[in-house]
Amino acid sequence: DRVIVTSGSSSAFLLAFSALFDAGDRVGLGEPGYPSYR
């Protein structure tokens, strides 16, 4: 039940970021890293 199938991992990022964060929230990412996170 915890598995959510998505349209590519890109859609998973959209869902994850939408579910976890509100506008303006600061999210850290290591650099160098996958550019589409940013």
PDB file of all heavy atoms in Angstrom:
ATOM      1  N   ASP A   1       0.835  -1.214   0.000  1.00  0.00           N
ATOM      2  CA  ASP A   1       0.000   0.000   0.000  1.00  0.00           C
ATOM      3  C   ASP A   1       0.866   1.260   0.000  1.00  0.00           C
ATOM      4  O   ASP A   1       0.413   2.328  -0.427  1.00  0.00           O
ATOM      5  CB  ASP A   1      -0.914   0.027   1.229  1.00  0.00           C
ATOM      6  CG  ASP A   1      -1.989  -1.042   1.180  1.00  0.00           C
ATOM      7  OD1 ASP A   1      -2.203  -1.630   0.095  1.00  0.00           O
ATOM      8  OD2 ASP A   1      -2.617  -1.293   2.230  1.00  0.00           O
ATOM      9  N   ARG A   2       2.101   1.144   0.478  1.00  0.00           N
ATOM     10  CA  ARG A   2       2.978   2.314   0.550  1.00  0.00           C
ATOM     11  C   ARG A   2       3.651   2.634  -0.786  1.00  0.00           C
ATOM     12  O   ARG A   2       4.305   3.666  -0.917  1.00  0.00           O
ATOM     13  CB  ARG A   2       4.051   2.092   1.617  1.00  0.00           C
ATOM     14  CG  ARG A   2       3.500   1.986   3.042  1.00  0.00           C
ATOM     15  CD  ARG A   2       4.588   1.607   4.028  1.00  0.00           C
ATOM     16  NE  ARG A   2       5.693   2.568   3.990  1.00  0.00           N
ATOM     17  CZ  ARG A   2       6.880   2.342   4.528  1.00  0.00           C
ATOM     18  NH1 ARG A   2       7.132   1.170   5.103  1.00  0.00           N
ATOM     19  NH2 ARG A   2       7.817   3.267   4.459  1.00  0.00           N
ATOM     20  N   VAL A   3       3.501   1.751  -1.761  1.00  0.00           N
ATOM     21  CA  VAL A   3       4.118   1.931  -3.071  1.00  0.00           C
ATOM     22  C   VAL A   3       3.194   2.739  -3.969  1.00  0.00           C
ATOM     23  O   VAL A   3       2.020   2.390  -4.149  1.00  0.00           O
ATOM     24  CB  VAL A   3       4.420   0.581  -3.732  1.00  0.00           C
ATOM     25  CG1 VAL A   3       5.008   0.787  -5.131  1.00  0.00           C
ATOM     26  CG2 VAL A   3       5.377  -0.238  -2.863  1.00  0.00           C
ATOM     27  N   ILE A   4       3.698   3.804  -4.533  1.00  0.00           N
ATOM     28  CA  ILE A   4       2.931   4.677  -5.424  1.00  0.00           C
ATOM     29  C   ILE A   4       3.623   4.682  -6.782  1.00  0.00           C
ATOM     30  O   ILE A   4       4.761   5.143  -6.898  1.00  0.00           O
ATOM     31  CB  ILE A   4       2.840   6.104  -4.844  1.00  0.00           C
ATOM     32  CG1 ILE A   4       2.071   6.063  -3.520  1.00  0.00           C
ATOM     33  CG2 ILE A   4       2.209   7.068  -5.839  1.00  0.00           C
ATOM     34  CD1 ILE A   4       2.123   7.344  -2.738  1.00  0.00           C
ATOM     35  N   VAL A   5       2.972   4.134  -7.792  1.00  0.00           N
ATOM     36  CA  VAL A   5       3.538   4.078  -9.134  1.00  0.00           C
ATOM     37  C   VAL A   5       3.300   5.427  -9.811  1.00  0.00           C
ATOM     38  O   VAL A   5       2.220   6.007  -9.720  1.00  0.00           O
ATOM     39  CB  VAL A   5       2.907   2.931  -9.945  1.00  0.00           C
ATOM     40  CG1 VAL A   5       3.571   2.819 -11.326  1.00  0.00           C
ATOM     41  CG2 VAL A   5       3.034   1.605  -9.192  1.00  0.00           C
ATOM     42  N   THR A   6       4.319   5.921 -10.506  1.00  0.00           N
ATOM     43  CA  THR A   6       4.276   7.281 -11.053  1.00  0.00           C
ATOM     44  C   THR A   6       4.699   7.297 -12.521  1.00  0.00           C
ATOM     45  O   THR A   6       5.301   6.353 -13.015  1.00  0.00           O
ATOM     46  CB  THR A   6       5.204   8.216 -10.257  1.00  0.00           C
ATOM     47  OG1 THR A   6       6.554   7.733 -10.358  1.00  0.00           O
ATOM     48  CG2 THR A   6       4.792   8.293  -8.797  1.00  0.00           C
ATOM     49  N   SER A   7       4.414   8.388 -13.184  1.00  0.00           N
ATOM     50  CA  SER A   7       4.822   8.566 -14.581  1.00  0.00           C
ATOM     51  C   SER A   7       6.280   9.023 -14.617  1.00  0.00           C
ATOM     52  O   SER A   7       6.584  10.204 -14.786  1.00  0.00           O
ATOM     53  CB  SER A   7       3.922   9.593 -15.275  1.00  0.00           C
ATOM     54  OG  SER A   7       2.578   9.162 -15.267  1.00  0.00           O
ATOM     55  N   GLY A   8       7.182   8.064 -14.448  1.00  0.00           N
ATOM     56  CA  GLY A   8       8.593   8.374 -14.335  1.00  0.00           C
ATOM     57  C   GLY A   8       8.918   8.900 -12.947  1.00  0.00           C
ATOM     58  O   GLY A   8       8.026   9.307 -12.185  1.00  0.00           O
ATOM     59  N   SER A   9      10.197   8.904 -12.613  1.00  0.00           N
ATOM     60  CA  SER A   9      10.580   9.448 -11.305  1.00  0.00           C
ATOM     61  C   SER A   9      10.322  10.946 -11.241  1.00  0.00           C
ATOM     62  O   SER A   9      10.127  11.504 -10.147  1.00  0.00           O
ATOM     63  CB  SER A   9      12.049   9.152 -11.014  1.00  0.00           C
ATOM     64  OG  SER A   9      12.894   9.758 -11.968  1.00  0.00           O
ATOM     65  N   SER A  10      10.292  11.626 -12.386  1.00  0.00           N
ATOM     66  CA  SER A  10      10.021  13.071 -12.382  1.00  0.00           C
ATOM     67  C   SER A  10       8.670  13.367 -11.754  1.00  0.00           C
ATOM     68  O   SER A  10       8.520  14.330 -10.992  1.00  0.00           O
ATOM     69  CB  SER A  10      10.081  13.621 -13.814  1.00  0.00           C
ATOM     70  OG  SER A  10      11.350  13.432 -14.384  1.00  0.00           O
ATOM     71  N   SER A  11       7.669  12.552 -12.072  1.00  0.00           N
ATOM     72  CA  SER A  11       6.357  12.740 -11.446  1.00  0.00           C
ATOM     73  C   SER A  11       6.408  12.443  -9.954  1.00  0.00           C
ATOM     74  O   SER A  11       5.697  13.073  -9.161  1.00  0.00           O
ATOM     75  CB  SER A  11       5.322  11.837 -12.117  1.00  0.00           C
ATOM     76  OG  SER A  11       5.139  12.184 -13.467  1.00  0.00           O
ATOM     77  N   ALA A  12       7.259  11.490  -9.584  1.00  0.00           N
ATOM     78  CA  ALA A  12       7.412  11.198  -8.158  1.00  0.00           C
ATOM     79  C   ALA A  12       7.977  12.400  -7.417  1.00  0.00           C
ATOM     80  O   ALA A  12       7.553  12.706  -6.290  1.00  0.00           O
ATOM     81  CB  ALA A  12       8.312   9.974  -7.974  1.00  0.00           C
ATOM     82  N   PHE A  13       8.939  13.093  -8.025  1.00  0.00           N
ATOM     83  CA  PHE A  13       9.466  14.295  -7.386  1.00  0.00           C
ATOM     84  C   PHE A  13       8.384  15.356  -7.238  1.00  0.00           C
ATOM     85  O   PHE A  13       8.282  16.014  -6.196  1.00  0.00           O
ATOM     86  CB  PHE A  13      10.649  14.847  -8.183  1.00  0.00           C
ATOM     87  CG  PHE A  13      11.868  13.972  -8.168  1.00  0.00           C
ATOM     88  CD1 PHE A  13      12.468  13.558  -9.344  1.00  0.00           C
ATOM     89  CD2 PHE A  13      12.422  13.555  -6.971  1.00  0.00           C
ATOM     90  CE1 PHE A  13      13.584  12.740  -9.334  1.00  0.00           C
ATOM     91  CE2 PHE A  13      13.541  12.729  -6.942  1.00  0.00           C
ATOM     92  CZ  PHE A  13      14.121  12.323  -8.129  1.00  0.00           C
ATOM     93  N   LEU A  14       7.581  15.541  -8.266  1.00  0.00           N
ATOM     94  CA  LEU A  14       6.482  16.510  -8.176  1.00  0.00           C
ATOM     95  C   LEU A  14       5.533  16.145  -7.041  1.00  0.00           C
ATOM     96  O   LEU A  14       5.118  17.014  -6.258  1.00  0.00           O
ATOM     97  CB  LEU A  14       5.720  16.562  -9.500  1.00  0.00           C
ATOM     98  CG  LEU A  14       6.370  17.328 -10.648  1.00  0.00           C
ATOM     99  CD1 LEU A  14       5.630  17.048 -11.954  1.00  0.00           C
ATOM    100  CD2 LEU A  14       6.375  18.826 -10.363  1.00  0.00           C
ATOM    101  N   LEU A  15       5.159  14.880  -6.956  1.00  0.00           N
ATOM    102  CA  LEU A  15       4.256  14.449  -5.890  1.00  0.00           C
ATOM    103  C   LEU A  15       4.897  14.606  -4.521  1.00  0.00           C
ATOM    104  O   LEU A  15       4.272  15.097  -3.577  1.00  0.00           O
ATOM    105  CB  LEU A  15       3.851  12.995  -6.112  1.00  0.00           C
ATOM    106  CG  LEU A  15       2.878  12.707  -7.257  1.00  0.00           C
ATOM    107  CD1 LEU A  15       2.713  11.205  -7.450  1.00  0.00           C
ATOM    108  CD2 LEU A  15       1.525  13.354  -6.980  1.00  0.00           C
ATOM    109  N   ALA A  16       6.148  14.191  -4.409  1.00  0.00           N
ATOM    110  CA  ALA A  16       6.838  14.258  -3.117  1.00  0.00           C
ATOM    111  C   ALA A  16       6.966  15.696  -2.633  1.00  0.00           C
ATOM    112  O   ALA A  16       6.636  16.014  -1.480  1.00  0.00           O
ATOM    113  CB  ALA A  16       8.220  13.610  -3.224  1.00  0.00           C
ATOM    114  N   PHE A  17       7.437  16.571  -3.505  1.00  0.00           N
ATOM    115  CA  PHE A  17       7.633  17.959  -3.102  1.00  0.00           C
ATOM    116  C   PHE A  17       6.303  18.638  -2.801  1.00  0.00           C
ATOM    117  O   PHE A  17       6.215  19.481  -1.898  1.00  0.00           O
ATOM    118  CB  PHE A  17       8.385  18.727  -4.183  1.00  0.00           C
ATOM    119  CG  PHE A  17       9.783  18.221  -4.464  1.00  0.00           C
ATOM    120  CD1 PHE A  17      10.410  18.520  -5.668  1.00  0.00           C
ATOM    121  CD2 PHE A  17      10.478  17.450  -3.538  1.00  0.00           C
ATOM    122  CE1 PHE A  17      11.696  18.071  -5.942  1.00  0.00           C
ATOM    123  CE2 PHE A  17      11.761  16.992  -3.796  1.00  0.00           C
ATOM    124  CZ  PHE A  17      12.372  17.297  -5.003  1.00  0.00           C
ATOM    125  N   SER A  18       5.251  18.285  -3.536  1.00  0.00           N
ATOM    126  CA  SER A  18       3.930  18.867  -3.291  1.00  0.00           C
ATOM    127  C   SER A  18       3.346  18.372  -1.978  1.00  0.00           C
ATOM    128  O   SER A  18       2.664  19.124  -1.263  1.00  0.00           O
ATOM    129  CB  SER A  18       2.972  18.526  -4.440  1.00  0.00           C
ATOM    130  OG  SER A  18       3.413  19.070  -5.663  1.00  0.00           O
ATOM    131  N   ALA A  19       3.595  17.107  -1.653  1.00  0.00           N
ATOM    132  CA  ALA A  19       3.033  16.529  -0.435  1.00  0.00           C
ATOM    133  C   ALA A  19       3.770  16.983   0.819  1.00  0.00           C
ATOM    134  O   ALA A  19       3.165  17.103   1.896  1.00  0.00           O
ATOM    135  CB  ALA A  19       3.073  14.999  -0.521  1.00  0.00           C
ATOM    136  N   LEU A  20       5.060  17.257   0.697  1.00  0.00           N
ATOM    137  CA  LEU A  20       5.882  17.512   1.875  1.00  0.00           C
ATOM    138  C   LEU A  20       6.058  18.982   2.223  1.00  0.00           C
ATOM    139  O   LEU A  20       6.252  19.317   3.399  1.00  0.00           O
ATOM    140  CB  LEU A  20       7.279  16.896   1.671  1.00  0.00           C
ATOM    141  CG  LEU A  20       7.362  15.367   1.682  1.00  0.00           C
ATOM    142  CD1 LEU A  20       8.739  14.911   1.217  1.00  0.00           C
ATOM    143  CD2 LEU A  20       7.055  14.829   3.077  1.00  0.00           C
ATOM    144  N   PHE A  21       6.016  19.881   1.213  1.00  0.00           N
ATOM    145  CA  PHE A  21       6.477  21.247   1.445  1.00  0.00           C
ATOM    146  C   PHE A  21       5.441  22.286   1.037  1.00  0.00           C
ATOM    147  O   PHE A  21       4.634  22.058   0.135  1.00  0.00           O
ATOM    148  CB  PHE A  21       7.777  21.495   0.671  1.00  0.00           C
ATOM    149  CG  PHE A  21       8.836  20.464   0.927  1.00  0.00           C
ATOM    150  CD1 PHE A  21       9.353  19.688  -0.109  1.00  0.00           C
ATOM    151  CD2 PHE A  21       9.320  20.247   2.213  1.00  0.00           C
ATOM    152  CE1 PHE A  21      10.318  18.726   0.121  1.00  0.00           C
ATOM    153  CE2 PHE A  21      10.292  19.287   2.459  1.00  0.00           C
ATOM    154  CZ  PHE A  21      10.788  18.524   1.412  1.00  0.00           C
ATOM    155  N   ASP A  22       5.511  23.431   1.707  1.00  0.00           N
ATOM    156  CA  ASP A  22       4.688  24.592   1.374  1.00  0.00           C
ATOM    157  C   ASP A  22       5.535  25.631   0.648  1.00  0.00           C
ATOM    158  O   ASP A  22       6.772  25.644   0.767  1.00  0.00           O
ATOM    159  CB  ASP A  22       4.092  25.211   2.644  1.00  0.00           C
ATOM    160  CG  ASP A  22       3.050  24.312   3.284  1.00  0.00           C
ATOM    161  OD1 ASP A  22       2.190  23.795   2.539  1.00  0.00           O
ATOM    162  OD2 ASP A  22       3.099  24.117   4.514  1.00  0.00           O
ATOM    163  N   ALA A  23       4.865  26.509  -0.092  1.00  0.00           N
ATOM    164  CA  ALA A  23       5.560  27.540  -0.868  1.00  0.00           C
ATOM    165  C   ALA A  23       6.558  28.287   0.022  1.00  0.00           C
ATOM    166  O   ALA A  23       6.228  28.690   1.142  1.00  0.00           O
ATOM    167  CB  ALA A  23       4.563  28.506  -1.479  1.00  0.00           C
ATOM    168  N   GLY A  24       7.759  28.442  -0.496  1.00  0.00           N
ATOM    169  CA  GLY A  24       8.800  29.159   0.240  1.00  0.00           C
ATOM    170  C   GLY A  24       9.693  28.271   1.079  1.00  0.00           C
ATOM    171  O   GLY A  24      10.757  28.723   1.523  1.00  0.00           O
ATOM    172  N   ASP A  25       9.284  27.033   1.336  1.00  0.00           N
ATOM    173  CA  ASP A  25      10.114  26.139   2.142  1.00  0.00           C
ATOM    174  C   ASP A  25      11.472  25.920   1.468  1.00  0.00           C
ATOM    175  O   ASP A  25      11.580  25.874   0.242  1.00  0.00           O
ATOM    176  CB  ASP A  25       9.428  24.788   2.339  1.00  0.00           C
ATOM    177  CG  ASP A  25       8.361  24.821   3.418  1.00  0.00           C
ATOM    178  OD1 ASP A  25       8.217  25.869   4.083  1.00  0.00           O
ATOM    179  OD2 ASP A  25       7.646  23.807   3.589  1.00  0.00           O
ATOM    180  N   ARG A  26      12.482  25.748   2.293  1.00  0.00           N
ATOM    181  CA  ARG A  26      13.858  25.581   1.811  1.00  0.00           C
ATOM    182  C   ARG A  26      14.217  24.090   1.829  1.00  0.00           C
ATOM    183  O   ARG A  26      14.091  23.417   2.854  1.00  0.00           O
ATOM    184  CB  ARG A  26      14.821  26.362   2.703  1.00  0.00           C
ATOM    185  CG  ARG A  26      14.645  27.877   2.598  1.00  0.00           C
ATOM    186  CD  ARG A  26      15.330  28.620   3.748  1.00  0.00           C
ATOM    187  NE  ARG A  26      16.722  28.242   3.910  1.00  0.00           N
ATOM    188  CZ  ARG A  26      17.738  28.808   3.248  1.00  0.00           C
ATOM    189  NH1 ARG A  26      17.496  29.789   2.376  1.00  0.00           N
ATOM    190  NH2 ARG A  26      18.978  28.427   3.464  1.00  0.00           N
ATOM    191  N   VAL A  27      14.644  23.598   0.668  1.00  0.00           N
ATOM    192  CA  VAL A  27      14.957  22.180   0.520  1.00  0.00           C
ATOM    193  C   VAL A  27      16.410  22.040   0.071  1.00  0.00           C
ATOM    194  O   VAL A  27      16.825  22.610  -0.946  1.00  0.00           O
ATOM    195  CB  VAL A  27      14.021  21.504  -0.505  1.00  0.00           C
ATOM    196  CG1 VAL A  27      14.349  20.017  -0.630  1.00  0.00           C
ATOM    197  CG2 VAL A  27      12.554  21.695  -0.099  1.00  0.00           C
ATOM    198  N   GLY A  28      17.202  21.289   0.834  1.00  0.00           N
ATOM    199  CA  GLY A  28      18.612  21.134   0.547  1.00  0.00           C
ATOM    200  C   GLY A  28      18.881  20.029  -0.459  1.00  0.00           C
ATOM    201  O   GLY A  28      18.182  19.011  -0.487  1.00  0.00           O
ATOM    202  N   LEU A  29      19.896  20.249  -1.283  1.00  0.00           N
ATOM    203  CA  LEU A  29      20.347  19.241  -2.242  1.00  0.00           C
ATOM    204  C   LEU A  29      21.846  19.341  -2.400  1.00  0.00           C
ATOM    205  O   LEU A  29      22.409  20.435  -2.454  1.00  0.00           O
ATOM    206  CB  LEU A  29      19.658  19.422  -3.597  1.00  0.00           C
ATOM    207  CG  LEU A  29      19.669  20.828  -4.201  1.00  0.00           C
ATOM    208  CD1 LEU A  29      20.042  20.778  -5.667  1.00  0.00           C
ATOM    209  CD2 LEU A  29      18.278  21.445  -4.067  1.00  0.00           C
ATOM    210  N   GLY A  30      22.508  18.204  -2.416  1.00  0.00           N
ATOM    211  CA  GLY A  30      23.954  18.195  -2.562  1.00  0.00           C
ATOM    212  C   GLY A  30      24.378  18.671  -3.936  1.00  0.00           C
ATOM    213  O   GLY A  30      23.711  18.396  -4.940  1.00  0.00           O
ATOM    214  N   GLU A  31      25.482  19.395  -3.990  1.00  0.00           N
ATOM    215  CA  GLU A  31      26.065  19.833  -5.260  1.00  0.00           C
ATOM    216  C   GLU A  31      27.472  19.274  -5.358  1.00  0.00           C
ATOM    217  O   GLU A  31      28.251  19.430  -4.408  1.00  0.00           O
ATOM    218  CB  GLU A  31      26.096  21.357  -5.353  1.00  0.00           C
ATOM    219  CG  GLU A  31      24.714  21.963  -5.471  1.00  0.00           C
ATOM    220  CD  GLU A  31      24.739  23.491  -5.470  1.00  0.00           C
ATOM    221  OE1 GLU A  31      25.768  24.062  -5.066  1.00  0.00           O
ATOM    222  OE2 GLU A  31      23.722  24.097  -5.852  1.00  0.00           O
ATOM    223  N   PRO A  32      27.805  18.568  -6.480  1.00  0.00           N
ATOM    224  CA  PRO A  32      26.995  18.419  -7.676  1.00  0.00           C
ATOM    225  C   PRO A  32      25.832  17.445  -7.466  1.00  0.00           C
ATOM    226  O   PRO A  32      25.932  16.516  -6.673  1.00  0.00           O
ATOM    227  CB  PRO A  32      27.988  17.864  -8.696  1.00  0.00           C
ATOM    228  CG  PRO A  32      28.970  17.085  -7.863  1.00  0.00           C
ATOM    229  CD  PRO A  32      29.128  17.890  -6.610  1.00  0.00           C
ATOM    230  N   GLY A  33      24.749  17.686  -8.208  1.00  0.00           N
ATOM    231  CA  GLY A  33      23.578  16.827  -8.099  1.00  0.00           C
ATOM    232  C   GLY A  33      22.691  16.959  -9.318  1.00  0.00           C
ATOM    233  O   GLY A  33      22.911  17.818 -10.177  1.00  0.00           O
ATOM    234  N   TYR A  34      21.691  16.134  -9.376  1.00  0.00           N
ATOM    235  CA  TYR A  34      20.761  16.108 -10.496  1.00  0.00           C
ATOM    236  C   TYR A  34      20.092  17.474 -10.651  1.00  0.00           C
ATOM    237  O   TYR A  34      19.464  17.965  -9.709  1.00  0.00           O
ATOM    238  CB  TYR A  34      19.724  15.026 -10.244  1.00  0.00           C
ATOM    239  CG  TYR A  34      18.685  14.846 -11.319  1.00  0.00           C
ATOM    240  CD1 TYR A  34      19.044  14.595 -12.639  1.00  0.00           C
ATOM    241  CD2 TYR A  34      17.328  14.902 -11.011  1.00  0.00           C
ATOM    242  CE1 TYR A  34      18.084  14.406 -13.618  1.00  0.00           C
ATOM    243  CE2 TYR A  34      16.359  14.710 -11.987  1.00  0.00           C
ATOM    244  CZ  TYR A  34      16.741  14.467 -13.284  1.00  0.00           C
ATOM    245  OH  TYR A  34      15.786  14.289 -14.255  1.00  0.00           O
ATOM    246  N   PRO A  35      20.227  18.123 -11.810  1.00  0.00           N
ATOM    247  CA  PRO A  35      19.779  19.515 -11.939  1.00  0.00           C
ATOM    248  C   PRO A  35      18.279  19.721 -11.822  1.00  0.00           C
ATOM    249  O   PRO A  35      17.828  20.782 -11.390  1.00  0.00           O
ATOM    250  CB  PRO A  35      20.279  19.919 -13.334  1.00  0.00           C
ATOM    251  CG  PRO A  35      20.470  18.642 -14.071  1.00  0.00           C
ATOM    252  CD  PRO A  35      20.883  17.635 -13.047  1.00  0.00           C
ATOM    253  N   SER A  36      17.486  18.716 -12.196  1.00  0.00           N
ATOM    254  CA  SER A  36      16.047  18.928 -12.188  1.00  0.00           C
ATOM    255  C   SER A  36      15.472  19.042 -10.783  1.00  0.00           C
ATOM    256  O   SER A  36      14.377  19.581 -10.614  1.00  0.00           O
ATOM    257  CB  SER A  36      15.339  17.814 -12.970  1.00  0.00           C
ATOM    258  OG  SER A  36      15.647  17.904 -14.346  1.00  0.00           O
ATOM    259  N   TYR A  37      16.189  18.537  -9.745  1.00  0.00           N
ATOM    260  CA  TYR A  37      15.708  18.807  -8.385  1.00  0.00           C
ATOM    261  C   TYR A  37      15.477  20.305  -8.210  1.00  0.00           C
ATOM    262  O   TYR A  37      14.427  20.760  -7.749  1.00  0.00           O
ATOM    263  CB  TYR A  37      16.735  18.393  -7.325  1.00  0.00           C
ATOM    264  CG  TYR A  37      17.174  16.969  -7.263  1.00  0.00           C
ATOM    265  CD1 TYR A  37      18.464  16.670  -6.810  1.00  0.00           C
ATOM    266  CD2 TYR A  37      16.340  15.911  -7.608  1.00  0.00           C
ATOM    267  CE1 TYR A  37      18.913  15.368  -6.702  1.00  0.00           C
ATOM    268  CE2 TYR A  37      16.776  14.605  -7.510  1.00  0.00           C
ATOM    269  CZ  TYR A  37      18.070  14.335  -7.058  1.00  0.00           C
ATOM    270  OH  TYR A  37      18.518  13.055  -6.964  1.00  0.00           O
ATOM    271  N   ARG A  38      16.515  21.057  -8.549  1.00  0.00           N
ATOM    272  CA  ARG A  38      16.507  22.500  -8.334  1.00  0.00           C
ATOM    273  C   ARG A  38      15.385  23.167  -9.122  1.00  0.00           C
ATOM    274  O   ARG A  38      14.657  24.011  -8.609  1.00  0.00           O
ATOM    275  CB  ARG A  38      17.867  23.082  -8.729  1.00  0.00           C
ATOM    276  CG  ARG A  38      18.046  24.560  -8.434  1.00  0.00           C
ATOM    277  CD  ARG A  38      19.412  25.060  -8.878  1.00  0.00           C
ATOM    278  NE  ARG A  38      20.488  24.373  -8.179  1.00  0.00           N
ATOM    279  CZ  ARG A  38      21.284  23.451  -8.730  1.00  0.00           C
ATOM    280  NH1 ARG A  38      21.123  23.119 -10.004  1.00  0.00           N
ATOM    281  NH2 ARG A  38      22.219  22.881  -8.029  1.00  0.00           N
TER     282      ARG A  38
END
